[in-house]
Amino acid sequence: MLEYVALVILVFVAIVLFYGVIVIHDIPYEIAVHRNHPHQDAIHVAGWVSLFTLHVLWPFLWIWATLYRTDRGWGFSDGHSSKEHIEKLELELTEVKQRLNALEGGSE
């Protein structure tokens, strides 16, 4: 009787470990879905590939999934349009030219 209990426990632990690894490898995909990532499918497929490559890709998938956010995209811009940015730079350039002219005029 004790052998059967041990066998049931062994099978149960094997099943939990098997599905646990699969669930853990789906975490980057779930993050991508939650953040509405444009590469959700690629992250999901790469998670499955990571299962067969001894989990080498998994940390990189986690990083890839967390880089994108819908409110700021990839995070490489300040949220302003390029036209606003150009106008701001032109205004700063005009101010710098005025200050330079004032300094040059005062030293002569």
PDB file of N, CA and C in Angstrom:
ATOM      1  N   MET A   1       0.826  -1.205   0.000  1.00  0.00           N
ATOM      2  CA  MET A   1       0.000   0.000   0.000  1.00  0.00           C
ATOM      3  C   MET A   1       0.865   1.261   0.000  1.00  0.00           C
ATOM      4  N   LEU A   2       1.939   1.222   0.770  1.00  0.00           N
ATOM      5  CA  LEU A   2       2.816   2.377   0.859  1.00  0.00           C
ATOM      6  C   LEU A   2       3.484   2.678  -0.484  1.00  0.00           C
ATOM      7  N   GLU A   3       3.742   1.637  -1.271  1.00  0.00           N
ATOM      8  CA  GLU A   3       4.346   1.841  -2.584  1.00  0.00           C
ATOM      9  C   GLU A   3       3.405   2.610  -3.513  1.00  0.00           C
ATOM     10  N   TYR A   4       2.117   2.334  -3.416  1.00  0.00           N
ATOM     11  CA  TYR A   4       1.137   3.025  -4.254  1.00  0.00           C
ATOM     12  C   TYR A   4       1.031   4.503  -3.873  1.00  0.00           C
ATOM     13  N   VAL A   5       1.065   4.785  -2.575  1.00  0.00           N
ATOM     14  CA  VAL A   5       1.022   6.177  -2.117  1.00  0.00           C
ATOM     15  C   VAL A   5       2.259   6.922  -2.623  1.00  0.00           C
ATOM     16  N   ALA A   6       3.416   6.277  -2.522  1.00  0.00           N
ATOM     17  CA  ALA A   6       4.649   6.895  -3.001  1.00  0.00           C
ATOM     18  C   ALA A   6       4.595   7.112  -4.510  1.00  0.00           C
ATOM     19  N   LEU A   7       4.030   6.159  -5.238  1.00  0.00           N
ATOM     20  CA  LEU A   7       3.907   6.294  -6.684  1.00  0.00           C
ATOM     21  C   LEU A   7       2.977   7.450  -7.049  1.00  0.00           C
ATOM     22  N   VAL A   8       1.861   7.577  -6.341  1.00  0.00           N
ATOM     23  CA  VAL A   8       0.920   8.671  -6.594  1.00  0.00           C
ATOM     24  C   VAL A   8       1.593  10.018  -6.309  1.00  0.00           C
ATOM     25  N   ILE A   9       2.323  10.099  -5.200  1.00  0.00           N
ATOM     26  CA  ILE A   9       3.024  11.342  -4.866  1.00  0.00           C
ATOM     27  C   ILE A   9       4.070  11.666  -5.926  1.00  0.00           C
ATOM     28  N   LEU A  10       4.799  10.667  -6.378  1.00  0.00           N
ATOM     29  CA  LEU A  10       5.819  10.864  -7.403  1.00  0.00           C
ATOM     30  C   LEU A  10       5.211  11.361  -8.714  1.00  0.00           C
ATOM     31  N   VAL A  11       4.104  10.761  -9.120  1.00  0.00           N
ATOM     32  CA  VAL A  11       3.427  11.189 -10.348  1.00  0.00           C
ATOM     33  C   VAL A  11       2.882  12.608 -10.186  1.00  0.00           C
ATOM     34  N   PHE A  12       2.308  12.898  -9.022  1.00  0.00           N
ATOM     35  CA  PHE A  12       1.775  14.231  -8.758  1.00  0.00           C
ATOM     36  C   PHE A  12       2.880  15.288  -8.830  1.00  0.00           C
ATOM     37  N   VAL A  13       4.008  15.029  -8.199  1.00  0.00           N
ATOM     38  CA  VAL A  13       5.128  15.971  -8.211  1.00  0.00           C
ATOM     39  C   VAL A  13       5.653  16.159  -9.636  1.00  0.00           C
ATOM     40  N   ALA A  14       5.732  15.084 -10.412  1.00  0.00           N
ATOM     41  CA  ALA A  14       6.207  15.182 -11.795  1.00  0.00           C
ATOM     42  C   ALA A  14       5.270  16.047 -12.630  1.00  0.00           C
ATOM     43  N   ILE A  15       3.965  15.862 -12.455  1.00  0.00           N
ATOM     44  CA  ILE A  15       2.988  16.660 -13.209  1.00  0.00           C
ATOM     45  C   ILE A  15       3.057  18.130 -12.799  1.00  0.00           C
ATOM     46  N   VAL A  16       3.165  18.398 -11.501  1.00  0.00           N
ATOM     47  CA  VAL A  16       3.253  19.780 -11.021  1.00  0.00           C
ATOM     48  C   VAL A  16       4.515  20.454 -11.552  1.00  0.00           C
ATOM     49  N   LEU A  17       5.633  19.760 -11.536  1.00  0.00           N
ATOM     50  CA  LEU A  17       6.868  20.330 -12.069  1.00  0.00           C
ATOM     51  C   LEU A  17       6.766  20.588 -13.570  1.00  0.00           C
ATOM     52  N   PHE A  18       6.188  19.655 -14.293  1.00  0.00           N
ATOM     53  CA  PHE A  18       6.051  19.797 -15.738  1.00  0.00           C
ATOM     54  C   PHE A  18       5.219  21.030 -16.083  1.00  0.00           C
ATOM     55  N   TYR A  19       4.039  21.143 -15.484  1.00  0.00           N
ATOM     56  CA  TYR A  19       3.180  22.288 -15.782  1.00  0.00           C
ATOM     57  C   TYR A  19       3.698  23.573 -15.144  1.00  0.00           C
ATOM     58  N   GLY A  20       4.406  23.462 -14.031  1.00  0.00           N
ATOM     59  CA  GLY A  20       4.993  24.638 -13.395  1.00  0.00           C
ATOM     60  C   GLY A  20       6.020  25.311 -14.281  1.00  0.00           C
ATOM     61  N   VAL A  21       6.853  24.504 -14.931  1.00  0.00           N
ATOM     62  CA  VAL A  21       7.855  25.059 -15.846  1.00  0.00           C
ATOM     63  C   VAL A  21       7.170  25.757 -17.015  1.00  0.00           C
ATOM     64  N   ILE A  22       6.109  25.172 -17.517  1.00  0.00           N
ATOM     65  CA  ILE A  22       5.381  25.788 -18.635  1.00  0.00           C
ATOM     66  C   ILE A  22       4.749  27.115 -18.205  1.00  0.00           C
ATOM     67  N   VAL A  23       4.149  27.137 -17.024  1.00  0.00           N
ATOM     68  CA  VAL A  23       3.515  28.365 -16.534  1.00  0.00           C
ATOM     69  C   VAL A  23       4.566  29.451 -16.306  1.00  0.00           C
ATOM     70  N   ILE A  24       5.698  29.076 -15.742  1.00  0.00           N
ATOM     71  CA  ILE A  24       6.754  30.061 -15.496  1.00  0.00           C
ATOM     72  C   ILE A  24       7.272  30.637 -16.810  1.00  0.00           C
ATOM     73  N   HIS A  25       7.368  29.805 -17.832  1.00  0.00           N
ATOM     74  CA  HIS A  25       7.872  30.306 -19.107  1.00  0.00           C
ATOM     75  C   HIS A  25       6.836  31.137 -19.862  1.00  0.00           C
ATOM     76  N   ASP A  26       5.607  31.123 -19.428  1.00  0.00           N
ATOM     77  CA  ASP A  26       4.585  31.976 -20.038  1.00  0.00           C
ATOM     78  C   ASP A  26       4.497  33.347 -19.373  1.00  0.00           C
ATOM     79  N   ILE A  27       5.256  33.588 -18.324  1.00  0.00           N
ATOM     80  CA  ILE A  27       5.201  34.876 -17.632  1.00  0.00           C
ATOM     81  C   ILE A  27       5.552  36.042 -18.564  1.00  0.00           C
ATOM     82  N   PRO A  28       6.637  35.982 -19.350  1.00  0.00           N
ATOM     83  CA  PRO A  28       6.906  37.111 -20.258  1.00  0.00           C
ATOM     84  C   PRO A  28       5.772  37.355 -21.255  1.00  0.00           C
ATOM     85  N   TYR A  29       5.150  36.285 -21.732  1.00  0.00           N
ATOM     86  CA  TYR A  29       4.025  36.457 -22.655  1.00  0.00           C
ATOM     87  C   TYR A  29       2.859  37.142 -21.950  1.00  0.00           C
ATOM     88  N   GLU A  30       2.589  36.753 -20.723  1.00  0.00           N
ATOM     89  CA  GLU A  30       1.492  37.384 -19.978  1.00  0.00           C
ATOM     90  C   GLU A  30       1.787  38.863 -19.726  1.00  0.00           C
ATOM     91  N   ILE A  31       3.039  39.181 -19.453  1.00  0.00           N
ATOM     92  CA  ILE A  31       3.421  40.587 -19.296  1.00  0.00           C
ATOM     93  C   ILE A  31       3.186  41.339 -20.603  1.00  0.00           C
ATOM     94  N   ALA A  32       3.571  40.723 -21.716  1.00  0.00           N
ATOM     95  CA  ALA A  32       3.395  41.361 -23.030  1.00  0.00           C
ATOM     96  C   ALA A  32       1.922  41.589 -23.338  1.00  0.00           C
ATOM     97  N   VAL A  33       1.082  40.631 -23.005  1.00  0.00           N
ATOM     98  CA  VAL A  33      -0.358  40.787 -23.235  1.00  0.00           C
ATOM     99  C   VAL A  33      -0.899  41.914 -22.364  1.00  0.00           C
ATOM    100  N   HIS A  34      -0.480  41.945 -21.106  1.00  0.00           N
ATOM    101  CA  HIS A  34      -0.958  42.972 -20.182  1.00  0.00           C
ATOM    102  C   HIS A  34      -0.548  44.373 -20.646  1.00  0.00           C
ATOM    103  N   ARG A  35       0.625  44.510 -21.225  1.00  0.00           N
ATOM    104  CA  ARG A  35       1.123  45.803 -21.686  1.00  0.00           C
ATOM    105  C   ARG A  35       0.754  46.100 -23.131  1.00  0.00           C
ATOM    106  N   ASN A  36       0.007  45.218 -23.768  1.00  0.00           N
ATOM    107  CA  ASN A  36      -0.398  45.384 -25.167  1.00  0.00           C
ATOM    108  C   ASN A  36       0.828  45.548 -26.066  1.00  0.00           C
ATOM    109  N   HIS A  37       1.789  44.668 -25.867  1.00  0.00           N
ATOM    110  CA  HIS A  37       3.063  44.689 -26.588  1.00  0.00           C
ATOM    111  C   HIS A  37       2.829  44.340 -28.057  1.00  0.00           C
ATOM    112  N   PRO A  38       3.471  45.045 -28.996  1.00  0.00           N
ATOM    113  CA  PRO A  38       3.262  44.735 -30.418  1.00  0.00           C
ATOM    114  C   PRO A  38       3.883  43.407 -30.850  1.00  0.00           C
ATOM    115  N   HIS A  39       4.781  42.832 -30.044  1.00  0.00           N
ATOM    116  CA  HIS A  39       5.445  41.575 -30.394  1.00  0.00           C
ATOM    117  C   HIS A  39       4.990  40.421 -29.503  1.00  0.00           C
ATOM    118  N   GLN A  40       3.732  40.398 -29.120  1.00  0.00           N
ATOM    119  CA  GLN A  40       3.219  39.366 -28.213  1.00  0.00           C
ATOM    120  C   GLN A  40       3.446  37.962 -28.745  1.00  0.00           C
ATOM    121  N   ASP A  41       3.124  37.753 -29.996  1.00  0.00           N
ATOM    122  CA  ASP A  41       3.255  36.412 -30.575  1.00  0.00           C
ATOM    123  C   ASP A  41       4.709  35.971 -30.629  1.00  0.00           C
ATOM    124  N   ALA A  42       5.599  36.879 -30.963  1.00  0.00           N
ATOM    125  CA  ALA A  42       7.019  36.526 -31.019  1.00  0.00           C
ATOM    126  C   ALA A  42       7.544  36.168 -29.634  1.00  0.00           C
ATOM    127  N   ILE A  43       7.109  36.880 -28.620  1.00  0.00           N
ATOM    128  CA  ILE A  43       7.532  36.578 -27.254  1.00  0.00           C
ATOM    129  C   ILE A  43       6.985  35.228 -26.825  1.00  0.00           C
ATOM    130  N   HIS A  44       5.756  34.924 -27.211  1.00  0.00           N
ATOM    131  CA  HIS A  44       5.159  33.636 -26.860  1.00  0.00           C
ATOM    132  C   HIS A  44       5.914  32.484 -27.514  1.00  0.00           C
ATOM    133  N   VAL A  45       6.211  32.613 -28.787  1.00  0.00           N
ATOM    134  CA  VAL A  45       6.953  31.559 -29.492  1.00  0.00           C
ATOM    135  C   VAL A  45       8.359  31.429 -28.921  1.00  0.00           C
ATOM    136  N   ALA A  46       9.005  32.549 -28.641  1.00  0.00           N
ATOM    137  CA  ALA A  46      10.355  32.492 -28.083  1.00  0.00           C
ATOM    138  C   ALA A  46      10.353  31.856 -26.694  1.00  0.00           C
ATOM    139  N   GLY A  47       9.255  32.000 -25.963  1.00  0.00           N
ATOM    140  CA  GLY A  47       9.141  31.315 -24.675  1.00  0.00           C
ATOM    141  C   GLY A  47       9.137  29.810 -24.840  1.00  0.00           C
ATOM    142  N   TRP A  48       8.434  29.320 -25.846  1.00  0.00           N
ATOM    143  CA  TRP A  48       8.433  27.876 -26.118  1.00  0.00           C
ATOM    144  C   TRP A  48       9.794  27.411 -26.604  1.00  0.00           C
ATOM    145  N   VAL A  49      10.444  28.231 -27.421  1.00  0.00           N
ATOM    146  CA  VAL A  49      11.791  27.879 -27.878  1.00  0.00           C
ATOM    147  C   VAL A  49      12.747  27.839 -26.689  1.00  0.00           C
ATOM    148  N   SER A  50      12.540  28.736 -25.739  1.00  0.00           N
ATOM    149  CA  SER A  50      13.390  28.775 -24.558  1.00  0.00           C
ATOM    150  C   SER A  50      13.282  27.493 -23.736  1.00  0.00           C
ATOM    151  N   LEU A  51      12.139  26.839 -23.787  1.00  0.00           N
ATOM    152  CA  LEU A  51      12.006  25.551 -23.095  1.00  0.00           C
ATOM    153  C   LEU A  51      12.978  24.523 -23.651  1.00  0.00           C
ATOM    154  N   PHE A  52      13.235  24.596 -24.935  1.00  0.00           N
ATOM    155  CA  PHE A  52      14.097  23.609 -25.582  1.00  0.00           C
ATOM    156  C   PHE A  52      15.557  24.050 -25.659  1.00  0.00           C
ATOM    157  N   THR A  53      15.844  25.282 -25.270  1.00  0.00           N
ATOM    158  CA  THR A  53      17.229  25.760 -25.283  1.00  0.00           C
ATOM    159  C   THR A  53      17.756  25.941 -23.866  1.00  0.00           C
ATOM    160  N   LEU A  54      17.272  25.117 -22.965  1.00  0.00           N
ATOM    161  CA  LEU A  54      17.715  25.129 -21.567  1.00  0.00           C
ATOM    162  C   LEU A  54      17.511  26.489 -20.903  1.00  0.00           C
ATOM    163  N   HIS A  55      16.454  27.177 -21.268  1.00  0.00           N
ATOM    164  CA  HIS A  55      15.986  28.408 -20.614  1.00  0.00           C
ATOM    165  C   HIS A  55      16.949  29.582 -20.771  1.00  0.00           C
ATOM    166  N   VAL A  56      17.790  29.549 -21.784  1.00  0.00           N
ATOM    167  CA  VAL A  56      18.756  30.625 -21.988  1.00  0.00           C
ATOM    168  C   VAL A  56      18.050  31.920 -22.387  1.00  0.00           C
ATOM    169  N   LEU A  57      17.014  31.828 -23.188  1.00  0.00           N
ATOM    170  CA  LEU A  57      16.342  33.020 -23.708  1.00  0.00           C
ATOM    171  C   LEU A  57      15.391  33.668 -22.707  1.00  0.00           C
ATOM    172  N   TRP A  58      14.998  32.942 -21.688  1.00  0.00           N
ATOM    173  CA  TRP A  58      13.914  33.386 -20.820  1.00  0.00           C
ATOM    174  C   TRP A  58      14.175  34.739 -20.156  1.00  0.00           C
ATOM    175  N   PRO A  59      15.354  35.005 -19.581  1.00  0.00           N
ATOM    176  CA  PRO A  59      15.566  36.341 -18.986  1.00  0.00           C
ATOM    177  C   PRO A  59      15.472  37.471 -20.005  1.00  0.00           C
ATOM    178  N   PHE A  60      15.935  37.207 -21.218  1.00  0.00           N
ATOM    179  CA  PHE A  60      15.856  38.233 -22.260  1.00  0.00           C
ATOM    180  C   PHE A  60      14.408  38.466 -22.699  1.00  0.00           C
ATOM    181  N   LEU A  61      13.604  37.422 -22.668  1.00  0.00           N
ATOM    182  CA  LEU A  61      12.184  37.581 -22.993  1.00  0.00           C
ATOM    183  C   LEU A  61      11.492  38.442 -21.946  1.00  0.00           C
ATOM    184  N   TRP A  62      11.858  38.241 -20.700  1.00  0.00           N
ATOM    185  CA  TRP A  62      11.293  39.039 -19.611  1.00  0.00           C
ATOM    186  C   TRP A  62      11.620  40.517 -19.847  1.00  0.00           C
ATOM    187  N   ILE A  63      12.857  40.817 -20.171  1.00  0.00           N
ATOM    188  CA  ILE A  63      13.267  42.199 -20.433  1.00  0.00           C
ATOM    189  C   ILE A  63      12.540  42.749 -21.650  1.00  0.00           C
ATOM    190  N   TRP A  64      12.466  41.959 -22.712  1.00  0.00           N
ATOM    191  CA  TRP A  64      11.801  42.376 -23.944  1.00  0.00           C
ATOM    192  C   TRP A  64      10.334  42.697 -23.683  1.00  0.00           C
ATOM    193  N   ALA A  65       9.686  41.872 -22.878  1.00  0.00           N
ATOM    194  CA  ALA A  65       8.262  42.074 -22.604  1.00  0.00           C
ATOM    195  C   ALA A  65       8.019  43.311 -21.750  1.00  0.00           C
ATOM    196  N   THR A  66       8.956  43.644 -20.865  1.00  0.00           N
ATOM    197  CA  THR A  66       8.725  44.777 -19.970  1.00  0.00           C
ATOM    198  C   THR A  66       9.189  46.112 -20.548  1.00  0.00           C
ATOM    199  N   LEU A  67       9.904  46.105 -21.663  1.00  0.00           N
ATOM    200  CA  LEU A  67      10.377  47.366 -22.236  1.00  0.00           C
ATOM    201  C   LEU A  67       9.253  48.226 -22.797  1.00  0.00           C
ATOM    202  N   TYR A  68       8.218  47.626 -23.326  1.00  0.00           N
ATOM    203  CA  TYR A  68       7.170  48.368 -24.029  1.00  0.00           C
ATOM    204  C   TYR A  68       6.020  48.697 -23.087  1.00  0.00           C
ATOM    205  N   ARG A  69       5.563  49.940 -23.162  1.00  0.00           N
ATOM    206  CA  ARG A  69       4.347  50.347 -22.464  1.00  0.00           C
ATOM    207  C   ARG A  69       3.500  51.154 -23.430  1.00  0.00           C
ATOM    208  N   THR A  70       2.187  50.995 -23.344  1.00  0.00           N
ATOM    209  CA  THR A  70       1.311  51.673 -24.300  1.00  0.00           C
ATOM    210  C   THR A  70       1.336  53.189 -24.127  1.00  0.00           C
ATOM    211  N   ASP A  71       1.555  53.680 -22.916  1.00  0.00           N
ATOM    212  CA  ASP A  71       1.520  55.129 -22.707  1.00  0.00           C
ATOM    213  C   ASP A  71       2.766  55.836 -23.223  1.00  0.00           C
ATOM    214  N   ARG A  72       3.916  55.161 -23.257  1.00  0.00           N
ATOM    215  CA  ARG A  72       5.135  55.815 -23.728  1.00  0.00           C
ATOM    216  C   ARG A  72       5.862  55.042 -24.808  1.00  0.00           C
ATOM    217  N   GLY A  73       5.323  53.916 -25.248  1.00  0.00           N
ATOM    218  CA  GLY A  73       5.967  53.120 -26.293  1.00  0.00           C
ATOM    219  C   GLY A  73       7.213  52.442 -25.770  1.00  0.00           C
ATOM    220  N   TRP A  74       8.295  52.594 -26.498  1.00  0.00           N
ATOM    221  CA  TRP A  74       9.562  51.976 -26.099  1.00  0.00           C
ATOM    222  C   TRP A  74      10.315  52.833 -25.100  1.00  0.00           C
ATOM    223  N   GLY A  75       9.846  54.052 -24.845  1.00  0.00           N
ATOM    224  CA  GLY A  75      10.465  54.892 -23.836  1.00  0.00           C
ATOM    225  C   GLY A  75      11.617  55.730 -24.335  1.00  0.00           C
ATOM    226  N   PHE A  76      11.789  55.836 -25.650  1.00  0.00           N
ATOM    227  CA  PHE A  76      12.902  56.596 -26.186  1.00  0.00           C
ATOM    228  C   PHE A  76      12.517  58.018 -26.558  1.00  0.00           C
ATOM    229  N   SER A  77      11.296  58.415 -26.293  1.00  0.00           N
ATOM    230  CA  SER A  77      10.880  59.779 -26.603  1.00  0.00           C
ATOM    231  C   SER A  77      10.328  60.415 -25.341  1.00  0.00           C
ATOM    232  N   ASP A  78      10.221  61.726 -25.357  1.00  0.00           N
ATOM    233  CA  ASP A  78       9.717  62.433 -24.182  1.00  0.00           C
ATOM    234  C   ASP A  78       8.206  62.631 -24.228  1.00  0.00           C
ATOM    235  N   GLY A  79       7.545  62.059 -25.190  1.00  0.00           N
ATOM    236  CA  GLY A  79       6.101  62.150 -25.280  1.00  0.00           C
ATOM    237  C   GLY A  79       5.598  63.298 -26.132  1.00  0.00           C
ATOM    238  N   HIS A  80       6.488  64.150 -26.588  1.00  0.00           N
ATOM    239  CA  HIS A  80       6.095  65.279 -27.424  1.00  0.00           C
ATOM    240  C   HIS A  80       6.306  64.917 -28.885  1.00  0.00           C
ATOM    241  N   SER A  81       5.538  65.571 -29.724  1.00  0.00           N
ATOM    242  CA  SER A  81       5.714  65.321 -31.153  1.00  0.00           C
ATOM    243  C   SER A  81       7.013  65.967 -31.628  1.00  0.00           C
ATOM    244  N   SER A  82       7.496  65.525 -32.749  1.00  0.00           N
ATOM    245  CA  SER A  82       8.750  66.072 -33.271  1.00  0.00           C
ATOM    246  C   SER A  82       8.585  67.540 -33.672  1.00  0.00           C
ATOM    247  N   LYS A  83       7.386  67.931 -34.098  1.00  0.00           N
ATOM    248  CA  LYS A  83       7.156  69.331 -34.474  1.00  0.00           C
ATOM    249  C   LYS A  83       7.297  70.233 -33.249  1.00  0.00           C
ATOM    250  N   GLU A  84       6.723  69.810 -32.131  1.00  0.00           N
ATOM    251  CA  GLU A  84       6.856  70.586 -30.900  1.00  0.00           C
ATOM    252  C   GLU A  84       8.321  70.664 -30.479  1.00  0.00           C
ATOM    253  N   HIS A  85       9.018  69.572 -30.642  1.00  0.00           N
ATOM    254  CA  HIS A  85      10.429  69.520 -30.266  1.00  0.00           C
ATOM    255  C   HIS A  85      11.257  70.482 -31.126  1.00  0.00           C
ATOM    256  N   ILE A  86      10.985  70.520 -32.415  1.00  0.00           N
ATOM    257  CA  ILE A  86      11.712  71.424 -33.321  1.00  0.00           C
ATOM    258  C   ILE A  86      11.407  72.875 -32.974  1.00  0.00           C
ATOM    259  N   GLU A  87      10.135  73.184 -32.689  1.00  0.00           N
ATOM    260  CA  GLU A  87       9.769  74.551 -32.325  1.00  0.00           C
ATOM    261  C   GLU A  87      10.477  74.978 -31.044  1.00  0.00           C
ATOM    262  N   LYS A  88      10.567  74.076 -30.089  1.00  0.00           N
ATOM    263  CA  LYS A  88      11.249  74.379 -28.830  1.00  0.00           C
ATOM    264  C   LYS A  88      12.735  74.633 -29.079  1.00  0.00           C
ATOM    265  N   LEU A  89      13.354  73.811 -29.914  1.00  0.00           N
ATOM    266  CA  LEU A  89      14.773  74.002 -30.228  1.00  0.00           C
ATOM    267  C   LEU A  89      15.016  75.316 -30.966  1.00  0.00           C
ATOM    268  N   GLU A  90      14.103  75.688 -31.887  1.00  0.00           N
ATOM    269  CA  GLU A  90      14.246  76.956 -32.604  1.00  0.00           C
ATOM    270  C   GLU A  90      14.134  78.139 -31.646  1.00  0.00           C
ATOM    271  N   LEU A  91      13.228  78.044 -30.683  1.00  0.00           N
ATOM    272  CA  LEU A  91      13.077  79.104 -29.691  1.00  0.00           C
ATOM    273  C   LEU A  91      14.341  79.227 -28.843  1.00  0.00           C
ATOM    274  N   GLU A  92      14.895  78.108 -28.414  1.00  0.00           N
ATOM    275  CA  GLU A  92      16.132  78.136 -27.636  1.00  0.00           C
ATOM    276  C   GLU A  92      17.283  78.718 -28.455  1.00  0.00           C
ATOM    277  N   LEU A  93      17.354  78.368 -29.728  1.00  0.00           N
ATOM    278  CA  LEU A  93      18.411  78.892 -30.600  1.00  0.00           C
ATOM    279  C   LEU A  93      18.292  80.406 -30.743  1.00  0.00           C
ATOM    280  N   THR A  94      17.077  80.895 -30.885  1.00  0.00           N
ATOM    281  CA  THR A  94      16.860  82.339 -30.990  1.00  0.00           C
ATOM    282  C   THR A  94      17.314  83.041 -29.711  1.00  0.00           C
ATOM    283  N   GLU A  95      16.987  82.460 -28.563  1.00  0.00           N
ATOM    284  CA  GLU A  95      17.402  83.049 -27.287  1.00  0.00           C
ATOM    285  C   GLU A  95      18.919  83.058 -27.145  1.00  0.00           C
ATOM    286  N   VAL A  96      19.565  81.975 -27.544  1.00  0.00           N
ATOM    287  CA  VAL A  96      21.026  81.903 -27.456  1.00  0.00           C
ATOM    288  C   VAL A  96      21.667  82.935 -28.383  1.00  0.00           C
ATOM    289  N   LYS A  97      21.116  83.105 -29.588  1.00  0.00           N
ATOM    290  CA  LYS A  97      21.646  84.113 -30.517  1.00  0.00           C
ATOM    291  C   LYS A  97      21.507  85.514 -29.938  1.00  0.00           C
ATOM    292  N   GLN A  98      20.374  85.800 -29.300  1.00  0.00           N
ATOM    293  CA  GLN A  98      20.163  87.117 -28.702  1.00  0.00           C
ATOM    294  C   GLN A  98      21.158  87.366 -27.573  1.00  0.00           C
ATOM    295  N   ARG A  99      21.382  86.351 -26.745  1.00  0.00           N
ATOM    296  CA  ARG A  99      22.341  86.494 -25.644  1.00  0.00           C
ATOM    297  C   ARG A  99      23.757  86.684 -26.179  1.00  0.00           C
ATOM    298  N   LEU A 100      24.088  85.946 -27.239  1.00  0.00           N
ATOM    299  CA  LEU A 100      25.416  86.069 -27.839  1.00  0.00           C
ATOM    300  C   LEU A 100      25.615  87.460 -28.434  1.00  0.00           C
ATOM    301  N   ASN A 101      24.599  87.960 -29.122  1.00  0.00           N
ATOM    302  CA  ASN A 101      24.681  89.316 -29.686  1.00  0.00           C
ATOM    303  C   ASN A 101      24.822  90.355 -28.582  1.00  0.00           C
ATOM    304  N   ALA A 102      24.111  90.154 -27.478  1.00  0.00           N
ATOM    305  CA  ALA A 102      24.208  91.092 -26.361  1.00  0.00           C
ATOM    306  C   ALA A 102      25.604  91.049 -25.749  1.00  0.00           C
ATOM    307  N   LEU A 103      26.184  89.879 -25.625  1.00  0.00           N
ATOM    308  CA  LEU A 103      27.534  89.761 -25.069  1.00  0.00           C
ATOM    309  C   LEU A 103      28.581  90.351 -26.009  1.00  0.00           C
ATOM    310  N   GLU A 104      28.444  90.108 -27.300  1.00  0.00           N
ATOM    311  CA  GLU A 104      29.394  90.643 -28.275  1.00  0.00           C
ATOM    312  C   GLU A 104      29.271  92.158 -28.377  1.00  0.00           C
ATOM    313  N   GLY A 105      28.067  92.654 -28.287  1.00  0.00           N
ATOM    314  CA  GLY A 105      27.856  94.104 -28.367  1.00  0.00           C
ATOM    315  C   GLY A 105      28.383  94.813 -27.135  1.00  0.00           C
ATOM    316  N   GLY A 106      28.329  94.189 -25.986  1.00  0.00           N
ATOM    317  CA  GLY A 106      28.797  94.803 -24.744  1.00  0.00           C
ATOM    318  C   GLY A 106      30.300  94.811 -24.616  1.00  0.00           C
ATOM    319  N   SER A 107      30.991  93.895 -25.292  1.00  0.00           N
ATOM    320  CA  SER A 107      32.449  93.814 -25.141  1.00  0.00           C
ATOM    321  C   SER A 107      33.187  94.739 -26.099  1.00  0.00           C
ATOM    322  N   GLU A 108      32.543  95.283 -27.098  1.00  0.00           N
ATOM    323  CA  GLU A 108      33.207  96.139 -28.100  1.00  0.00           C
ATOM    324  C   GLU A 108      33.256  97.564 -27.688  1.00  0.00           C
TER     325      GLU A 108
END
